[in-house]
């Protein structure tokens, strides 16, 4: 983005490339980037650019959350397919074993005293 952008398609491409780095930016940085893009692309309204950037950042955040959720689901499915247990399942089994050990201890104690 060295000079003014004359082609709307080029502007959209450059906005998309710039917005990749925007996903983690704060509101202040988005404002600054919007001003720079507006100045270099001869866009009259900085507010329009700012709103486009904010919408795109929100879209990417939602997409990242969706992809993260899908990845977690796939990992869980793979773990089940491989016969691996989850932390919750292991904790539940550990609790059940402790309960059984306690019951066995009580039974042994009762049989020793009888």
N, C-alpha and C. Protein backbone atom coordinates (compact mmCIF):
# COMPACT_ATOMS: atom_id res chain seq x y z
N UNK A 1 0.84 -1.18 0.00
CA UNK A 1 0.00 0.00 0.00
C UNK A 1 0.87 1.24 0.00
N UNK A 2 1.56 1.43 -1.08
CA UNK A 2 2.50 2.54 -1.15
C UNK A 2 1.85 3.85 -1.54
N UNK A 3 0.89 3.80 -2.44
CA UNK A 3 0.27 5.03 -2.90
C UNK A 3 -1.23 4.87 -2.96
N UNK A 4 -1.91 5.86 -3.56
CA UNK A 4 -3.36 5.76 -3.68
C UNK A 4 -3.76 4.54 -4.49
N UNK A 5 -4.86 3.93 -4.09
CA UNK A 5 -5.36 2.75 -4.78
C UNK A 5 -6.45 3.20 -5.73
N UNK A 6 -6.31 2.89 -7.03
CA UNK A 6 -7.28 3.34 -8.02
C UNK A 6 -8.32 2.28 -8.33
N UNK A 7 -8.01 1.04 -8.08
CA UNK A 7 -8.88 -0.07 -8.43
C UNK A 7 -9.62 -0.56 -7.18
N UNK A 8 -10.97 -0.59 -7.20
CA UNK A 8 -11.71 -1.06 -6.02
C UNK A 8 -11.35 -2.50 -5.64
N UNK A 9 -11.10 -3.34 -6.62
CA UNK A 9 -10.72 -4.72 -6.33
C UNK A 9 -9.39 -4.77 -5.58
N UNK A 10 -8.45 -3.93 -6.00
CA UNK A 10 -7.15 -3.86 -5.32
C UNK A 10 -7.33 -3.34 -3.90
N UNK A 11 -8.23 -2.39 -3.72
CA UNK A 11 -8.51 -1.85 -2.39
C UNK A 11 -9.04 -2.94 -1.47
N UNK A 12 -9.98 -3.73 -1.98
CA UNK A 12 -10.55 -4.81 -1.17
C UNK A 12 -9.46 -5.82 -0.82
N UNK A 13 -8.62 -6.16 -1.79
CA UNK A 13 -7.54 -7.11 -1.54
C UNK A 13 -6.59 -6.58 -0.48
N UNK A 14 -6.21 -5.32 -0.61
CA UNK A 14 -5.29 -4.74 0.37
C UNK A 14 -5.94 -4.61 1.74
N UNK A 15 -7.23 -4.29 1.76
CA UNK A 15 -7.94 -4.24 3.03
C UNK A 15 -7.96 -5.62 3.69
N UNK A 16 -8.20 -6.64 2.90
CA UNK A 16 -8.24 -8.00 3.45
C UNK A 16 -6.87 -8.38 4.00
N UNK A 17 -5.82 -8.08 3.26
CA UNK A 17 -4.47 -8.41 3.73
C UNK A 17 -4.13 -7.63 5.00
N UNK A 18 -4.49 -6.37 5.01
CA UNK A 18 -4.22 -5.56 6.19
C UNK A 18 -5.03 -6.05 7.38
N UNK A 19 -6.25 -6.47 7.12
CA UNK A 19 -7.13 -6.89 8.21
C UNK A 19 -6.68 -8.19 8.86
N UNK A 20 -5.90 -9.00 8.15
CA UNK A 20 -5.37 -10.21 8.77
C UNK A 20 -4.59 -9.84 10.01
N UNK A 21 -3.81 -8.79 9.91
CA UNK A 21 -3.04 -8.34 11.06
C UNK A 21 -3.86 -7.56 12.06
N UNK A 22 -5.06 -7.18 11.69
CA UNK A 22 -5.92 -6.37 12.54
C UNK A 22 -6.64 -7.20 13.58
N UNK A 23 -6.77 -8.49 13.35
CA UNK A 23 -7.60 -9.32 14.22
C UNK A 23 -7.28 -9.16 15.69
N UNK A 24 -6.02 -8.92 16.02
CA UNK A 24 -5.64 -8.81 17.41
C UNK A 24 -5.44 -7.35 17.84
N UNK A 25 -5.78 -6.43 17.01
CA UNK A 25 -5.53 -5.03 17.33
C UNK A 25 -6.58 -4.46 18.28
N UNK A 26 -6.16 -3.48 19.02
CA UNK A 26 -7.07 -2.77 19.90
C UNK A 26 -7.85 -1.74 19.09
N UNK A 27 -8.85 -1.15 19.69
CA UNK A 27 -9.66 -0.15 19.02
C UNK A 27 -8.82 1.04 18.58
N UNK A 28 -7.85 1.45 19.39
CA UNK A 28 -6.99 2.58 19.02
C UNK A 28 -6.20 2.28 17.77
N UNK A 29 -5.68 1.09 17.70
CA UNK A 29 -4.89 0.71 16.52
C UNK A 29 -5.77 0.58 15.28
N UNK A 30 -7.00 0.12 15.48
CA UNK A 30 -7.92 0.04 14.34
C UNK A 30 -8.19 1.45 13.81
N UNK A 31 -8.39 2.40 14.72
CA UNK A 31 -8.63 3.78 14.31
C UNK A 31 -7.45 4.32 13.51
N UNK A 32 -6.25 4.07 14.00
CA UNK A 32 -5.04 4.55 13.30
C UNK A 32 -4.93 3.90 11.93
N UNK A 33 -5.12 2.59 11.86
CA UNK A 33 -5.04 1.88 10.59
C UNK A 33 -6.11 2.38 9.63
N UNK A 34 -7.30 2.66 10.12
CA UNK A 34 -8.38 3.17 9.29
C UNK A 34 -7.99 4.51 8.67
N UNK A 35 -7.37 5.35 9.46
CA UNK A 35 -6.94 6.66 8.95
C UNK A 35 -5.89 6.49 7.85
N UNK A 36 -4.95 5.58 8.06
CA UNK A 36 -3.89 5.35 7.08
C UNK A 36 -4.49 4.80 5.78
N UNK A 37 -5.36 3.80 5.91
CA UNK A 37 -5.96 3.20 4.71
C UNK A 37 -6.81 4.23 3.97
N UNK A 38 -7.58 5.01 4.70
CA UNK A 38 -8.41 6.03 4.06
C UNK A 38 -7.56 7.04 3.32
N UNK A 39 -6.45 7.45 3.92
CA UNK A 39 -5.58 8.44 3.28
C UNK A 39 -4.92 7.87 2.02
N UNK A 40 -4.47 6.64 2.10
CA UNK A 40 -3.76 6.04 0.96
C UNK A 40 -4.69 5.59 -0.16
N UNK A 41 -5.94 5.36 0.14
CA UNK A 41 -6.85 4.85 -0.88
C UNK A 41 -7.81 5.91 -1.39
N UNK A 42 -7.64 7.13 -0.95
CA UNK A 42 -8.49 8.24 -1.36
C UNK A 42 -9.96 8.01 -1.00
N UNK A 43 -10.21 7.30 0.08
CA UNK A 43 -11.57 7.11 0.57
C UNK A 43 -11.93 8.35 1.37
N UNK A 44 -13.11 8.88 1.11
CA UNK A 44 -13.51 10.13 1.75
C UNK A 44 -13.79 9.97 3.24
N UNK A 45 -14.35 8.85 3.64
CA UNK A 45 -14.79 8.70 5.01
C UNK A 45 -13.93 7.70 5.78
N UNK A 46 -13.21 8.23 6.77
CA UNK A 46 -12.43 7.37 7.66
C UNK A 46 -13.37 6.50 8.47
N UNK A 47 -14.55 7.02 8.79
CA UNK A 47 -15.52 6.26 9.57
C UNK A 47 -15.96 4.99 8.84
N UNK A 48 -16.12 5.09 7.51
CA UNK A 48 -16.50 3.92 6.73
C UNK A 48 -15.41 2.84 6.81
N UNK A 49 -14.17 3.26 6.65
CA UNK A 49 -13.05 2.32 6.71
C UNK A 49 -12.97 1.72 8.11
N UNK A 50 -13.10 2.55 9.13
CA UNK A 50 -13.05 2.08 10.51
C UNK A 50 -14.13 1.03 10.76
N UNK A 51 -15.35 1.30 10.30
CA UNK A 51 -16.45 0.36 10.49
C UNK A 51 -16.19 -0.95 9.74
N UNK A 52 -15.68 -0.84 8.51
CA UNK A 52 -15.34 -2.05 7.74
C UNK A 52 -14.30 -2.88 8.48
N UNK A 53 -13.28 -2.22 9.02
CA UNK A 53 -12.24 -2.94 9.75
C UNK A 53 -12.81 -3.61 11.00
N UNK A 54 -13.64 -2.90 11.73
CA UNK A 54 -14.23 -3.47 12.94
C UNK A 54 -15.12 -4.67 12.62
N UNK A 55 -15.91 -4.55 11.56
CA UNK A 55 -16.75 -5.67 11.15
C UNK A 55 -15.90 -6.87 10.75
N UNK A 56 -14.82 -6.61 10.01
CA UNK A 56 -13.96 -7.71 9.57
C UNK A 56 -13.27 -8.37 10.75
N UNK A 57 -12.79 -7.58 11.70
CA UNK A 57 -12.15 -8.13 12.89
C UNK A 57 -13.12 -9.01 13.66
N UNK A 58 -14.34 -8.53 13.82
CA UNK A 58 -15.35 -9.32 14.53
C UNK A 58 -15.65 -10.62 13.78
N UNK A 59 -15.73 -10.53 12.47
CA UNK A 59 -15.96 -11.72 11.66
C UNK A 59 -14.84 -12.73 11.84
N UNK A 60 -13.60 -12.27 11.84
CA UNK A 60 -12.46 -13.18 12.02
C UNK A 60 -12.44 -13.77 13.42
N UNK A 61 -12.80 -13.00 14.40
CA UNK A 61 -12.85 -13.54 15.76
C UNK A 61 -13.90 -14.64 15.87
N UNK A 62 -15.06 -14.41 15.26
CA UNK A 62 -16.10 -15.43 15.27
C UNK A 62 -15.64 -16.68 14.52
N UNK A 63 -14.99 -16.47 13.38
CA UNK A 63 -14.48 -17.61 12.61
C UNK A 63 -13.42 -18.37 13.39
N UNK A 64 -12.54 -17.66 14.08
CA UNK A 64 -11.51 -18.32 14.88
C UNK A 64 -12.13 -19.15 15.99
N UNK A 65 -13.17 -18.63 16.62
CA UNK A 65 -13.85 -19.37 17.68
C UNK A 65 -14.53 -20.61 17.10
N UNK A 66 -15.14 -20.46 15.93
CA UNK A 66 -15.81 -21.59 15.28
C UNK A 66 -14.80 -22.67 14.90
N UNK A 67 -13.69 -22.25 14.31
CA UNK A 67 -12.66 -23.21 13.91
C UNK A 67 -12.06 -23.88 15.14
N UNK A 68 -11.84 -23.12 16.20
CA UNK A 68 -11.32 -23.69 17.44
C UNK A 68 -12.27 -24.73 18.01
N UNK A 69 -13.55 -24.45 17.97
CA UNK A 69 -14.54 -25.40 18.45
C UNK A 69 -14.57 -26.66 17.61
N UNK A 70 -14.46 -26.50 16.30
CA UNK A 70 -14.42 -27.66 15.42
C UNK A 70 -13.18 -28.50 15.68
N UNK A 71 -12.06 -27.85 15.88
CA UNK A 71 -10.82 -28.58 16.15
C UNK A 71 -10.94 -29.38 17.45
N UNK A 72 -11.50 -28.76 18.46
CA UNK A 72 -11.68 -29.45 19.75
C UNK A 72 -12.60 -30.66 19.58
N UNK A 73 -13.66 -30.49 18.81
CA UNK A 73 -14.58 -31.61 18.56
C UNK A 73 -13.88 -32.75 17.83
N UNK A 74 -13.06 -32.40 16.86
CA UNK A 74 -12.35 -33.42 16.08
C UNK A 74 -11.33 -34.15 16.95
N UNK A 75 -10.65 -33.42 17.81
CA UNK A 75 -9.68 -34.05 18.70
C UNK A 75 -10.40 -34.99 19.66
N UNK A 76 -11.53 -34.56 20.20
CA UNK A 76 -12.31 -35.41 21.10
C UNK A 76 -12.78 -36.67 20.39
N UNK A 77 -13.26 -36.51 19.15
CA UNK A 77 -13.71 -37.67 18.38
C UNK A 77 -12.55 -38.63 18.12
N UNK A 78 -11.40 -38.09 17.78
CA UNK A 78 -10.23 -38.92 17.54
C UNK A 78 -9.82 -39.66 18.81
N UNK A 79 -9.85 -38.97 19.94
CA UNK A 79 -9.50 -39.59 21.22
C UNK A 79 -10.45 -40.74 21.54
N UNK A 80 -11.74 -40.52 21.31
CA UNK A 80 -12.72 -41.60 21.54
C UNK A 80 -12.45 -42.78 20.61
N UNK A 81 -12.16 -42.45 19.35
CA UNK A 81 -11.89 -43.51 18.37
C UNK A 81 -10.65 -44.33 18.75
N UNK A 82 -9.67 -43.68 19.34
CA UNK A 82 -8.45 -44.37 19.77
C UNK A 82 -8.62 -45.06 21.12
N UNK A 83 -9.77 -44.87 21.74
CA UNK A 83 -10.01 -45.49 23.02
C UNK A 83 -9.43 -44.74 24.19
N UNK A 84 -9.08 -43.48 24.00
CA UNK A 84 -8.55 -42.66 25.09
C UNK A 84 -9.69 -42.09 25.91
N UNK A 85 -9.44 -41.87 27.18
CA UNK A 85 -10.46 -41.30 28.05
C UNK A 85 -10.19 -39.82 28.26
N UNK A 86 -11.25 -39.10 28.56
CA UNK A 86 -11.09 -37.68 28.85
C UNK A 86 -10.67 -37.51 30.31
N UNK A 87 -10.24 -36.31 30.65
CA UNK A 87 -9.87 -36.00 32.03
C UNK A 87 -11.06 -36.22 32.95
N UNK A 88 -12.24 -35.81 32.51
CA UNK A 88 -13.46 -35.99 33.32
C UNK A 88 -13.72 -37.47 33.57
N UNK A 89 -13.59 -38.29 32.54
CA UNK A 89 -13.83 -39.72 32.70
C UNK A 89 -12.81 -40.34 33.66
N UNK A 90 -11.55 -39.94 33.54
CA UNK A 90 -10.51 -40.46 34.43
C UNK A 90 -10.78 -40.04 35.87
N UNK A 91 -11.17 -38.78 36.07
CA UNK A 91 -11.48 -38.30 37.42
C UNK A 91 -12.66 -39.05 38.02
N UNK A 92 -13.68 -39.30 37.19
CA UNK A 92 -14.85 -40.03 37.66
C UNK A 92 -14.47 -41.47 38.06
N UNK A 93 -13.65 -42.11 37.25
CA UNK A 93 -13.21 -43.46 37.58
C UNK A 93 -12.35 -43.47 38.85
N UNK A 94 -11.51 -42.48 39.01
CA UNK A 94 -10.69 -42.38 40.21
C UNK A 94 -11.57 -42.25 41.45
N UNK A 95 -12.61 -41.45 41.36
CA UNK A 95 -13.54 -41.28 42.48
C UNK A 95 -14.26 -42.60 42.78
N UNK A 96 -14.70 -43.29 41.74
CA UNK A 96 -15.40 -44.57 41.95
C UNK A 96 -14.47 -45.60 42.60
N UNK A 97 -13.21 -45.64 42.17
CA UNK A 97 -12.25 -46.58 42.77
C UNK A 97 -12.05 -46.23 44.24
N UNK A 98 -11.92 -44.94 44.55
CA UNK A 98 -11.75 -44.52 45.95
C UNK A 98 -12.97 -44.92 46.78
N UNK A 99 -14.16 -44.77 46.22
CA UNK A 99 -15.36 -45.17 46.94
C UNK A 99 -15.38 -46.68 47.19
N UNK A 100 -15.02 -47.45 46.17
CA UNK A 100 -14.97 -48.91 46.32
C UNK A 100 -13.94 -49.34 47.35
N UNK A 101 -12.77 -48.68 47.33
CA UNK A 101 -11.74 -48.99 48.33
C UNK A 101 -12.25 -48.70 49.73
N UNK A 102 -12.95 -47.60 49.89
CA UNK A 102 -13.50 -47.24 51.20
C UNK A 102 -14.53 -48.29 51.65
N UNK A 103 -15.39 -48.69 50.77
CA UNK A 103 -16.40 -49.73 51.10
C UNK A 103 -15.71 -51.04 51.47
N UNK A 104 -14.70 -51.40 50.68
CA UNK A 104 -13.97 -52.64 50.97
C UNK A 104 -13.31 -52.55 52.34
N UNK A 105 -12.72 -51.42 52.65
CA UNK A 105 -12.10 -51.22 53.96
C UNK A 105 -13.13 -51.38 55.08
N UNK A 106 -14.33 -50.82 54.90
CA UNK A 106 -15.39 -50.96 55.90
C UNK A 106 -15.82 -52.41 56.05
N UNK A 107 -15.95 -53.13 54.94
CA UNK A 107 -16.33 -54.54 54.99
C UNK A 107 -15.26 -55.35 55.71
N UNK A 108 -13.99 -55.10 55.38
CA UNK A 108 -12.89 -55.83 56.03
C UNK A 108 -12.86 -55.54 57.53
N UNK A 109 -13.10 -54.31 57.90
CA UNK A 109 -13.11 -53.93 59.31
C UNK A 109 -14.24 -54.63 60.05
N UNK A 110 -15.42 -54.66 59.42
CA UNK A 110 -16.57 -55.33 60.04
C UNK A 110 -16.32 -56.83 60.18
N UNK A 111 -15.68 -57.44 59.19
CA UNK A 111 -15.43 -58.89 59.26
C UNK A 111 -14.35 -59.23 60.29
N UNK A 112 -13.38 -58.33 60.51
CA UNK A 112 -12.36 -58.54 61.52
C UNK A 112 -12.91 -58.44 62.93
N UNK A 113 -13.89 -57.56 63.11
CA UNK A 113 -14.46 -57.39 64.45
C UNK A 113 -15.52 -58.45 64.76
N UNK A 114 -15.98 -59.17 63.79
CA UNK A 114 -17.02 -60.18 64.02
C UNK A 114 -16.47 -61.52 64.44
